[in-house]
């Protein structure tokens, strides 16, 4: 029995000691070195772009520099233009006559309503016909969303889903591929931002407006009834990059975040703070 206990103690000691493996790292901003133990390394400082920052002050300075670079250069790719206007696509498919197209264009100029939505409202097209035509415009497939939906696996800020009429549909971990459904047009700038912020690859497709609204309702309901700390915080009136950096630094410290990722999507600067599996998105509308 005594030998057995000694053997057990020796194993436990080695495992316990392994948790104290020393890690020496250097702050990218102030160059201060710090020796951390692996079991607590995630609670000290914060990482951003493969660099480590020892304090909220150093992190804030680095964030301001990162935001300034994004504000000047941007991080998104321009959207390609679809090959054929929607109206001509509908005429070529025999879904619309030239006379109906002229009438629809006149009404579009008068009302400002998008021509596809106008034609559906008038009963000239079904939602499915419109979605198929838009998908053909952009060279993408149409995806029929199952009634029960699919777990997306990748979180996207609800603000972007509403603005761009898009929704993450399904994530395939084995290929690191996220299927993203659009209603009106493919927003390649958004897809690029998602890839930068999440590290996954994206594949666009099209969904009907009805499928989009149903999935959004389900996600909003799930979010309202969830106890998760992940979510979105939006700032519309931040006046300076320095103020944005202070806000990000403050949130990072409050959340005890261990990683920050910053990108840009159209008029928004998008920051994601990660604390283990929890993620909080901060959106700053650029002036």
C-alpha atoms as a PDB file:
ATOM      1  CA  UNK A   1       0.000   0.000   0.000  1.00  0.00           C
ATOM      2  CA  UNK A   2       2.834   2.392   0.916  1.00  0.00           C
ATOM      3  CA  UNK A   3       4.647   1.799  -2.384  1.00  0.00           C
ATOM      4  CA  UNK A   4       1.375   2.286  -4.265  1.00  0.00           C
ATOM      5  CA  UNK A   5       0.785   5.644  -2.592  1.00  0.00           C
ATOM      6  CA  UNK A   6       4.355   6.747  -3.371  1.00  0.00           C
ATOM      7  CA  UNK A   7       3.852   5.792  -7.019  1.00  0.00           C
ATOM      8  CA  UNK A   8       0.571   7.745  -7.149  1.00  0.00           C
ATOM      9  CA  UNK A   9       2.168  10.774  -5.470  1.00  0.00           C
ATOM     10  CA  UNK A  10       5.038  10.783  -7.979  1.00  0.00           C
ATOM     11  CA  UNK A  11       2.590  10.844 -10.913  1.00  0.00           C
ATOM     12  CA  UNK A  12       0.470  13.547  -9.321  1.00  0.00           C
ATOM     13  CA  UNK A  13       3.556  15.653  -8.640  1.00  0.00           C
ATOM     14  CA  UNK A  14       4.685  15.464 -12.263  1.00  0.00           C
ATOM     15  CA  UNK A  15       1.208  16.381 -13.543  1.00  0.00           C
ATOM     16  CA  UNK A  16       0.900  19.210 -11.019  1.00  0.00           C
ATOM     17  CA  UNK A  17       4.348  20.533 -11.930  1.00  0.00           C
ATOM     18  CA  UNK A  18       3.491  20.439 -15.631  1.00  0.00           C
ATOM     19  CA  UNK A  19       0.773  22.984 -14.953  1.00  0.00           C
ATOM     20  CA  UNK A  20       3.469  25.416 -13.837  1.00  0.00           C
ATOM     21  CA  UNK A  21       5.499  25.245 -17.029  1.00  0.00           C
ATOM     22  CA  UNK A  22       7.151  28.644 -17.402  1.00  0.00           C
ATOM     23  CA  UNK A  23       6.433  30.735 -20.497  1.00  0.00           C
ATOM     24  CA  UNK A  24       8.464  33.869 -21.132  1.00  0.00           C
ATOM     25  CA  UNK A  25       6.862  36.424 -23.417  1.00  0.00           C
ATOM     26  CA  UNK A  26       7.549  40.025 -24.403  1.00  0.00           C
ATOM     27  CA  UNK A  27       5.067  42.867 -24.812  1.00  0.00           C
ATOM     28  CA  UNK A  28       5.081  44.071 -28.413  1.00  0.00           C
ATOM     29  CA  UNK A  29       4.485  47.695 -27.361  1.00  0.00           C
ATOM     30  CA  UNK A  30       6.675  48.363 -24.304  1.00  0.00           C
ATOM     31  CA  UNK A  31       9.053  45.390 -24.784  1.00  0.00           C
ATOM     32  CA  UNK A  32       8.573  44.364 -21.158  1.00  0.00           C
ATOM     33  CA  UNK A  33       9.288  40.680 -20.591  1.00  0.00           C
ATOM     34  CA  UNK A  34       7.095  38.575 -18.341  1.00  0.00           C
ATOM     35  CA  UNK A  35       7.383  34.984 -17.183  1.00  0.00           C
ATOM     36  CA  UNK A  36       4.012  33.279 -16.969  1.00  0.00           C
ATOM     37  CA  UNK A  37       2.886  29.833 -15.935  1.00  0.00           C
ATOM     38  CA  UNK A  38       0.896  27.950 -18.528  1.00  0.00           C
ATOM     39  CA  UNK A  39      -2.109  27.453 -16.256  1.00  0.00           C
ATOM     40  CA  UNK A  40      -2.575  31.215 -15.854  1.00  0.00           C
ATOM     41  CA  UNK A  41      -1.081  32.587 -19.062  1.00  0.00           C
ATOM     42  CA  UNK A  42      -4.519  33.260 -20.548  1.00  0.00           C
ATOM     43  CA  UNK A  43      -5.352  35.600 -17.659  1.00  0.00           C
ATOM     44  CA  UNK A  44      -2.339  37.886 -18.222  1.00  0.00           C
ATOM     45  CA  UNK A  45      -2.312  40.418 -21.037  1.00  0.00           C
ATOM     46  CA  UNK A  46      -4.025  40.079 -24.391  1.00  0.00           C
ATOM     47  CA  UNK A  47      -3.043  38.892 -27.869  1.00  0.00           C
ATOM     48  CA  UNK A  48      -3.709  40.687 -31.144  1.00  0.00           C
ATOM     49  CA  UNK A  49      -2.306  39.763 -34.590  1.00  0.00           C
ATOM     50  CA  UNK A  50       0.138  37.243 -33.111  1.00  0.00           C
ATOM     51  CA  UNK A  51       1.499  39.839 -30.699  1.00  0.00           C
ATOM     52  CA  UNK A  52       1.083  39.974 -26.937  1.00  0.00           C
ATOM     53  CA  UNK A  53       0.441  43.107 -24.831  1.00  0.00           C
ATOM     54  CA  UNK A  54       1.095  43.154 -21.112  1.00  0.00           C
ATOM     55  CA  UNK A  55      -1.442  45.772 -19.992  1.00  0.00           C
ATOM     56  CA  UNK A  56      -4.571  47.623 -21.029  1.00  0.00           C
ATOM     57  CA  UNK A  57      -2.436  50.709 -21.619  1.00  0.00           C
ATOM     58  CA  UNK A  58      -0.118  48.945 -24.087  1.00  0.00           C
ATOM     59  CA  UNK A  59      -3.066  47.202 -25.703  1.00  0.00           C
ATOM     60  CA  UNK A  60      -4.933  50.504 -26.084  1.00  0.00           C
ATOM     61  CA  UNK A  61      -1.967  52.129 -27.819  1.00  0.00           C
ATOM     62  CA  UNK A  62      -1.657  49.180 -30.198  1.00  0.00           C
ATOM     63  CA  UNK A  63      -5.396  49.238 -30.909  1.00  0.00           C
ATOM     64  CA  UNK A  64      -5.319  52.937 -31.795  1.00  0.00           C
ATOM     65  CA  UNK A  65      -2.504  52.308 -34.284  1.00  0.00           C
ATOM     66  CA  UNK A  66      -4.411  49.350 -35.757  1.00  0.00           C
ATOM     67  CA  UNK A  67      -7.613  51.386 -36.097  1.00  0.00           C
ATOM     68  CA  UNK A  68      -5.748  54.241 -37.767  1.00  0.00           C
ATOM     69  CA  UNK A  69      -4.308  51.830 -40.332  1.00  0.00           C
ATOM     70  CA  UNK A  70      -7.739  50.335 -41.019  1.00  0.00           C
ATOM     71  CA  UNK A  71      -9.377  53.745 -41.324  1.00  0.00           C
ATOM     72  CA  UNK A  72      -6.877  54.794 -43.997  1.00  0.00           C
ATOM     73  CA  UNK A  73      -6.273  51.616 -45.964  1.00  0.00           C
ATOM     74  CA  UNK A  74      -9.339  49.466 -45.236  1.00  0.00           C
ATOM     75  CA  UNK A  75      -9.361  45.685 -45.200  1.00  0.00           C
ATOM     76  CA  UNK A  76     -12.151  44.759 -47.580  1.00  0.00           C
ATOM     77  CA  UNK A  77     -12.105  43.776 -51.217  1.00  0.00           C
ATOM     78  CA  UNK A  78     -14.387  45.534 -53.741  1.00  0.00           C
ATOM     79  CA  UNK A  79     -17.514  43.668 -54.752  1.00  0.00           C
ATOM     80  CA  UNK A  80     -17.498  42.283 -58.296  1.00  0.00           C
ATOM     81  CA  UNK A  81     -20.349  43.527 -60.478  1.00  0.00           C
ATOM     82  CA  UNK A  82     -22.881  40.885 -61.510  1.00  0.00           C
ATOM     83  CA  UNK A  83     -22.759  39.978 -65.205  1.00  0.00           C
ATOM     84  CA  UNK A  84     -26.340  40.904 -66.249  1.00  0.00           C
ATOM     85  CA  UNK A  85     -28.927  43.328 -64.817  1.00  0.00           C
ATOM     86  CA  UNK A  86     -31.796  41.593 -63.065  1.00  0.00           C
ATOM     87  CA  UNK A  87     -34.470  42.870 -65.452  1.00  0.00           C
ATOM     88  CA  UNK A  88     -32.646  41.562 -68.534  1.00  0.00           C
ATOM     89  CA  UNK A  89     -32.042  38.265 -66.729  1.00  0.00           C
ATOM     90  CA  UNK A  90     -35.781  37.900 -66.145  1.00  0.00           C
ATOM     91  CA  UNK A  91     -36.585  38.745 -69.773  1.00  0.00           C
ATOM     92  CA  UNK A  92     -33.995  36.244 -71.048  1.00  0.00           C
ATOM     93  CA  UNK A  93     -35.618  33.541 -68.903  1.00  0.00           C
ATOM     94  CA  UNK A  94     -39.048  34.290 -70.282  1.00  0.00           C
ATOM     95  CA  UNK A  95     -40.329  35.409 -66.886  1.00  0.00           C
ATOM     96  CA  UNK A  96     -40.949  38.979 -68.009  1.00  0.00           C
ATOM     97  CA  UNK A  97     -41.833  40.672 -71.303  1.00  0.00           C
ATOM     98  CA  UNK A  98     -40.048  43.769 -72.585  1.00  0.00           C
ATOM     99  CA  UNK A  99     -43.218  45.786 -72.006  1.00  0.00           C
ATOM    100  CA  UNK A 100     -43.513  44.543 -68.404  1.00  0.00           C
ATOM    101  CA  UNK A 101     -39.866  45.421 -67.841  1.00  0.00           C
ATOM    102  CA  UNK A 102     -40.394  48.992 -69.135  1.00  0.00           C
ATOM    103  CA  UNK A 103     -43.397  49.441 -66.858  1.00  0.00           C
ATOM    104  CA  UNK A 104     -41.485  48.067 -63.869  1.00  0.00           C
ATOM    105  CA  UNK A 105     -38.535  50.383 -64.534  1.00  0.00           C
ATOM    106  CA  UNK A 106     -40.829  53.408 -64.714  1.00  0.00           C
ATOM    107  CA  UNK A 107     -42.421  52.447 -61.397  1.00  0.00           C
ATOM    108  CA  UNK A 108     -38.977  51.810 -59.917  1.00  0.00           C
ATOM    109  CA  UNK A 109     -37.911  55.363 -60.802  1.00  0.00           C
ATOM    110  CA  UNK A 110     -41.098  56.794 -59.301  1.00  0.00           C
ATOM    111  CA  UNK A 111     -41.131  54.815 -56.052  1.00  0.00           C
ATOM    112  CA  UNK A 112     -37.448  53.988 -55.457  1.00  0.00           C
ATOM    113  CA  UNK A 113     -38.447  50.400 -54.745  1.00  0.00           C
ATOM    114  CA  UNK A 114     -35.996  47.694 -55.861  1.00  0.00           C
ATOM    115  CA  UNK A 115     -37.211  46.195 -59.129  1.00  0.00           C
ATOM    116  CA  UNK A 116     -37.208  42.581 -57.926  1.00  0.00           C
ATOM    117  CA  UNK A 117     -39.265  43.349 -54.820  1.00  0.00           C
ATOM    118  CA  UNK A 118     -41.571  45.498 -56.939  1.00  0.00           C
ATOM    119  CA  UNK A 119     -42.241  42.628 -59.349  1.00  0.00           C
ATOM    120  CA  UNK A 120     -42.978  40.199 -56.500  1.00  0.00           C
ATOM    121  CA  UNK A 121     -45.350  42.686 -54.898  1.00  0.00           C
ATOM    122  CA  UNK A 122     -47.178  43.112 -58.211  1.00  0.00           C
ATOM    123  CA  UNK A 123     -47.476  39.348 -58.600  1.00  0.00           C
ATOM    124  CA  UNK A 124     -45.347  39.246 -61.759  1.00  0.00           C
ATOM    125  CA  UNK A 125     -42.851  36.917 -60.052  1.00  0.00           C
ATOM    126  CA  UNK A 126     -42.767  34.484 -57.149  1.00  0.00           C
ATOM    127  CA  UNK A 127     -40.134  34.775 -54.424  1.00  0.00           C
ATOM    128  CA  UNK A 128     -38.510  31.568 -55.618  1.00  0.00           C
ATOM    129  CA  UNK A 129     -38.298  32.801 -59.216  1.00  0.00           C
ATOM    130  CA  UNK A 130     -36.732  36.063 -58.077  1.00  0.00           C
ATOM    131  CA  UNK A 131     -34.209  34.270 -55.859  1.00  0.00           C
ATOM    132  CA  UNK A 132     -33.247  31.876 -58.670  1.00  0.00           C
ATOM    133  CA  UNK A 133     -32.697  34.830 -61.041  1.00  0.00           C
ATOM    134  CA  UNK A 134     -30.547  36.681 -58.506  1.00  0.00           C
ATOM    135  CA  UNK A 135     -28.496  33.563 -57.861  1.00  0.00           C
ATOM    136  CA  UNK A 136     -27.949  33.149 -61.594  1.00  0.00           C
ATOM    137  CA  UNK A 137     -26.826  36.780 -61.808  1.00  0.00           C
ATOM    138  CA  UNK A 138     -24.058  36.116 -59.302  1.00  0.00           C
ATOM    139  CA  UNK A 139     -23.207  32.571 -60.363  1.00  0.00           C
ATOM    140  CA  UNK A 140     -24.273  31.108 -57.003  1.00  0.00           C
ATOM    141  CA  UNK A 141     -26.581  28.243 -55.995  1.00  0.00           C
ATOM    142  CA  UNK A 142     -29.955  28.617 -54.296  1.00  0.00           C
ATOM    143  CA  UNK A 143     -30.172  27.044 -50.847  1.00  0.00           C
ATOM    144  CA  UNK A 144     -33.485  25.787 -49.464  1.00  0.00           C
ATOM    145  CA  UNK A 145     -33.301  26.223 -45.708  1.00  0.00           C
ATOM    146  CA  UNK A 146     -34.783  23.270 -43.744  1.00  0.00           C
ATOM    147  CA  UNK A 147     -37.735  24.245 -41.545  1.00  0.00           C
ATOM    148  CA  UNK A 148     -35.785  23.348 -38.417  1.00  0.00           C
ATOM    149  CA  UNK A 149     -32.788  25.354 -39.677  1.00  0.00           C
ATOM    150  CA  UNK A 150     -29.144  24.412 -39.272  1.00  0.00           C
ATOM    151  CA  UNK A 151     -26.629  25.324 -36.556  1.00  0.00           C
ATOM    152  CA  UNK A 152     -24.336  27.911 -38.157  1.00  0.00           C
ATOM    153  CA  UNK A 153     -21.483  27.351 -35.699  1.00  0.00           C
ATOM    154  CA  UNK A 154     -19.976  30.758 -36.517  1.00  0.00           C
ATOM    155  CA  UNK A 155     -21.362  33.934 -34.934  1.00  0.00           C
ATOM    156  CA  UNK A 156     -21.881  37.047 -37.071  1.00  0.00           C
ATOM    157  CA  UNK A 157     -23.074  40.376 -35.611  1.00  0.00           C
ATOM    158  CA  UNK A 158     -26.863  40.704 -36.086  1.00  0.00           C
ATOM    159  CA  UNK A 159     -26.327  44.261 -37.364  1.00  0.00           C
ATOM    160  CA  UNK A 160     -24.531  42.924 -40.440  1.00  0.00           C
ATOM    161  CA  UNK A 161     -27.193  40.296 -41.019  1.00  0.00           C
ATOM    162  CA  UNK A 162     -29.903  42.962 -41.052  1.00  0.00           C
ATOM    163  CA  UNK A 163     -27.989  45.547 -43.126  1.00  0.00           C
ATOM    164  CA  UNK A 164     -26.847  43.133 -45.822  1.00  0.00           C
ATOM    165  CA  UNK A 165     -29.819  40.731 -45.718  1.00  0.00           C
ATOM    166  CA  UNK A 166     -27.529  37.768 -45.102  1.00  0.00           C
ATOM    167  CA  UNK A 167     -27.393  34.897 -42.695  1.00  0.00           C
ATOM    168  CA  UNK A 168     -24.770  32.271 -41.805  1.00  0.00           C
ATOM    169  CA  UNK A 169     -26.400  28.970 -42.716  1.00  0.00           C
ATOM    170  CA  UNK A 170     -24.060  26.103 -41.935  1.00  0.00           C
ATOM    171  CA  UNK A 171     -20.456  25.574 -40.850  1.00  0.00           C
ATOM    172  CA  UNK A 172     -18.537  22.445 -41.894  1.00  0.00           C
ATOM    173  CA  UNK A 173     -15.699  21.974 -39.417  1.00  0.00           C
ATOM    174  CA  UNK A 174     -13.893  19.334 -41.481  1.00  0.00           C
ATOM    175  CA  UNK A 175     -13.342  21.818 -44.334  1.00  0.00           C
ATOM    176  CA  UNK A 176     -13.516  25.014 -42.235  1.00  0.00           C
ATOM    177  CA  UNK A 177     -16.205  26.271 -44.631  1.00  0.00           C
ATOM    178  CA  UNK A 178     -19.082  28.595 -43.714  1.00  0.00           C
ATOM    179  CA  UNK A 179     -22.099  28.694 -46.045  1.00  0.00           C
ATOM    180  CA  UNK A 180     -23.524  32.235 -46.154  1.00  0.00           C
ATOM    181  CA  UNK A 181     -26.960  33.003 -47.596  1.00  0.00           C
ATOM    182  CA  UNK A 182     -27.814  36.345 -49.248  1.00  0.00           C
ATOM    183  CA  UNK A 183     -31.182  37.713 -50.349  1.00  0.00           C
ATOM    184  CA  UNK A 184     -30.354  40.578 -52.752  1.00  0.00           C
ATOM    185  CA  UNK A 185     -26.682  40.475 -53.751  1.00  0.00           C
ATOM    186  CA  UNK A 186     -23.404  38.921 -52.678  1.00  0.00           C
ATOM    187  CA  UNK A 187     -21.466  41.268 -50.386  1.00  0.00           C
ATOM    188  CA  UNK A 188     -17.905  40.135 -51.016  1.00  0.00           C
ATOM    189  CA  UNK A 189     -16.534  42.799 -48.696  1.00  0.00           C
ATOM    190  CA  UNK A 190     -18.542  41.267 -45.866  1.00  0.00           C
ATOM    191  CA  UNK A 191     -17.377  37.752 -46.774  1.00  0.00           C
ATOM    192  CA  UNK A 192     -13.764  38.933 -46.676  1.00  0.00           C
ATOM    193  CA  UNK A 193     -14.325  40.556 -43.270  1.00  0.00           C
ATOM    194  CA  UNK A 194     -15.903  37.345 -41.936  1.00  0.00           C
ATOM    195  CA  UNK A 195     -12.920  35.313 -43.145  1.00  0.00           C
ATOM    196  CA  UNK A 196     -10.482  37.722 -41.498  1.00  0.00           C
ATOM    197  CA  UNK A 197     -12.377  37.844 -38.209  1.00  0.00           C
ATOM    198  CA  UNK A 198     -13.206  34.136 -37.885  1.00  0.00           C
ATOM    199  CA  UNK A 199     -10.419  32.379 -39.796  1.00  0.00           C
ATOM    200  CA  UNK A 200     -12.897  30.286 -41.770  1.00  0.00           C
ATOM    201  CA  UNK A 201     -13.534  30.137 -45.523  1.00  0.00           C
ATOM    202  CA  UNK A 202     -16.856  31.374 -46.868  1.00  0.00           C
ATOM    203  CA  UNK A 203     -19.118  30.189 -49.669  1.00  0.00           C
ATOM    204  CA  UNK A 204     -22.011  32.432 -50.826  1.00  0.00           C
ATOM    205  CA  UNK A 205     -25.433  31.214 -51.883  1.00  0.00           C
ATOM    206  CA  UNK A 206     -28.932  32.707 -52.128  1.00  0.00           C
ATOM    207  CA  UNK A 207     -32.017  32.206 -49.979  1.00  0.00           C
ATOM    208  CA  UNK A 208     -35.575  33.479 -50.395  1.00  0.00           C
ATOM    209  CA  UNK A 209     -36.652  36.548 -48.393  1.00  0.00           C
ATOM    210  CA  UNK A 210     -39.099  34.341 -46.475  1.00  0.00           C
ATOM    211  CA  UNK A 211     -36.362  31.876 -45.458  1.00  0.00           C
ATOM    212  CA  UNK A 212     -34.148  34.775 -44.406  1.00  0.00           C
ATOM    213  CA  UNK A 213     -36.826  36.389 -42.210  1.00  0.00           C
ATOM    214  CA  UNK A 214     -37.765  33.080 -40.581  1.00  0.00           C
ATOM    215  CA  UNK A 215     -34.152  32.300 -39.710  1.00  0.00           C
ATOM    216  CA  UNK A 216     -33.598  35.821 -38.359  1.00  0.00           C
ATOM    217  CA  UNK A 217     -36.667  35.489 -36.129  1.00  0.00           C
ATOM    218  CA  UNK A 218     -35.376  32.188 -34.752  1.00  0.00           C
ATOM    219  CA  UNK A 219     -31.925  33.649 -34.056  1.00  0.00           C
ATOM    220  CA  UNK A 220     -33.338  36.745 -32.384  1.00  0.00           C
ATOM    221  CA  UNK A 221     -35.615  34.604 -30.217  1.00  0.00           C
ATOM    222  CA  UNK A 222     -32.721  32.327 -29.255  1.00  0.00           C
ATOM    223  CA  UNK A 223     -30.557  35.351 -28.434  1.00  0.00           C
ATOM    224  CA  UNK A 224     -33.238  36.930 -26.239  1.00  0.00           C
ATOM    225  CA  UNK A 225     -33.670  33.693 -24.259  1.00  0.00           C
ATOM    226  CA  UNK A 226     -29.996  32.846 -23.961  1.00  0.00           C
ATOM    227  CA  UNK A 227     -27.829  33.308 -20.891  1.00  0.00           C
ATOM    228  CA  UNK A 228     -24.636  33.387 -22.968  1.00  0.00           C
ATOM    229  CA  UNK A 229     -22.231  36.278 -22.466  1.00  0.00           C
ATOM    230  CA  UNK A 230     -21.451  36.471 -26.168  1.00  0.00           C
ATOM    231  CA  UNK A 231     -23.140  39.219 -28.149  1.00  0.00           C
ATOM    232  CA  UNK A 232     -22.870  42.540 -29.929  1.00  0.00           C
ATOM    233  CA  UNK A 233     -22.315  46.082 -28.692  1.00  0.00           C
ATOM    234  CA  UNK A 234     -22.774  48.898 -31.215  1.00  0.00           C
ATOM    235  CA  UNK A 235     -21.386  52.436 -31.031  1.00  0.00           C
ATOM    236  CA  UNK A 236     -22.817  54.987 -33.465  1.00  0.00           C
ATOM    237  CA  UNK A 237     -21.375  58.269 -32.162  1.00  0.00           C
ATOM    238  CA  UNK A 238     -17.716  57.659 -31.283  1.00  0.00           C
ATOM    239  CA  UNK A 239     -15.839  60.715 -32.509  1.00  0.00           C
ATOM    240  CA  UNK A 240     -12.187  59.655 -32.564  1.00  0.00           C
ATOM    241  CA  UNK A 241      -9.941  56.639 -32.966  1.00  0.00           C
ATOM    242  CA  UNK A 242      -8.464  57.376 -29.543  1.00  0.00           C
ATOM    243  CA  UNK A 243     -11.926  57.079 -27.988  1.00  0.00           C
ATOM    244  CA  UNK A 244     -12.539  53.803 -29.822  1.00  0.00           C
ATOM    245  CA  UNK A 245      -9.225  52.489 -28.520  1.00  0.00           C
ATOM    246  CA  UNK A 246     -10.127  53.485 -24.941  1.00  0.00           C
ATOM    247  CA  UNK A 247     -13.492  51.729 -25.218  1.00  0.00           C
ATOM    248  CA  UNK A 248     -11.904  48.567 -26.616  1.00  0.00           C
ATOM    249  CA  UNK A 249      -9.228  48.578 -23.950  1.00  0.00           C
ATOM    250  CA  UNK A 250     -11.835  49.054 -21.216  1.00  0.00           C
ATOM    251  CA  UNK A 251     -14.025  46.228 -22.546  1.00  0.00           C
ATOM    252  CA  UNK A 252     -10.983  43.992 -22.897  1.00  0.00           C
ATOM    253  CA  UNK A 253     -10.041  44.527 -19.267  1.00  0.00           C
ATOM    254  CA  UNK A 254     -13.627  44.103 -18.034  1.00  0.00           C
ATOM    255  CA  UNK A 255     -14.111  40.853 -19.956  1.00  0.00           C
ATOM    256  CA  UNK A 256     -10.608  39.587 -19.101  1.00  0.00           C
ATOM    257  CA  UNK A 257     -10.241  38.967 -22.824  1.00  0.00           C
ATOM    258  CA  UNK A 258      -7.259  36.930 -23.961  1.00  0.00           C
ATOM    259  CA  UNK A 259      -7.488  37.780 -27.675  1.00  0.00           C
ATOM    260  CA  UNK A 260      -8.650  40.669 -29.848  1.00  0.00           C
ATOM    261  CA  UNK A 261      -9.281  40.698 -33.596  1.00  0.00           C
ATOM    262  CA  UNK A 262      -9.977  43.934 -35.473  1.00  0.00           C
ATOM    263  CA  UNK A 263     -11.262  44.358 -39.017  1.00  0.00           C
ATOM    264  CA  UNK A 264     -13.441  46.551 -41.193  1.00  0.00           C
ATOM    265  CA  UNK A 265     -16.727  45.970 -43.000  1.00  0.00           C
ATOM    266  CA  UNK A 266     -18.000  48.869 -45.091  1.00  0.00           C
ATOM    267  CA  UNK A 267     -18.705  51.781 -42.748  1.00  0.00           C
ATOM    268  CA  UNK A 268     -18.085  49.762 -39.575  1.00  0.00           C
ATOM    269  CA  UNK A 269     -14.901  48.982 -37.687  1.00  0.00           C
ATOM    270  CA  UNK A 270     -15.439  45.516 -36.208  1.00  0.00           C
ATOM    271  CA  UNK A 271     -13.613  44.302 -33.098  1.00  0.00           C
ATOM    272  CA  UNK A 272     -14.043  40.842 -31.592  1.00  0.00           C
ATOM    273  CA  UNK A 273     -12.918  40.180 -28.015  1.00  0.00           C
ATOM    274  CA  UNK A 274     -12.510  36.538 -27.035  1.00  0.00           C
ATOM    275  CA  UNK A 275     -12.416  35.102 -23.541  1.00  0.00           C
ATOM    276  CA  UNK A 276     -12.042  31.368 -23.951  1.00  0.00           C
ATOM    277  CA  UNK A 277     -15.094  30.231 -25.958  1.00  0.00           C
ATOM    278  CA  UNK A 278     -17.001  33.483 -25.322  1.00  0.00           C
ATOM    279  CA  UNK A 279     -17.003  36.198 -27.982  1.00  0.00           C
ATOM    280  CA  UNK A 280     -18.198  39.800 -27.854  1.00  0.00           C
ATOM    281  CA  UNK A 281     -18.359  41.960 -30.991  1.00  0.00           C
ATOM    282  CA  UNK A 282     -17.923  45.727 -30.780  1.00  0.00           C
ATOM    283  CA  UNK A 283     -19.056  47.679 -33.855  1.00  0.00           C
ATOM    284  CA  UNK A 284     -17.974  51.280 -34.378  1.00  0.00           C
ATOM    285  CA  UNK A 285     -19.646  53.212 -37.183  1.00  0.00           C
ATOM    286  CA  UNK A 286     -16.910  55.137 -38.958  1.00  0.00           C
ATOM    287  CA  UNK A 287     -17.653  58.811 -39.548  1.00  0.00           C
END
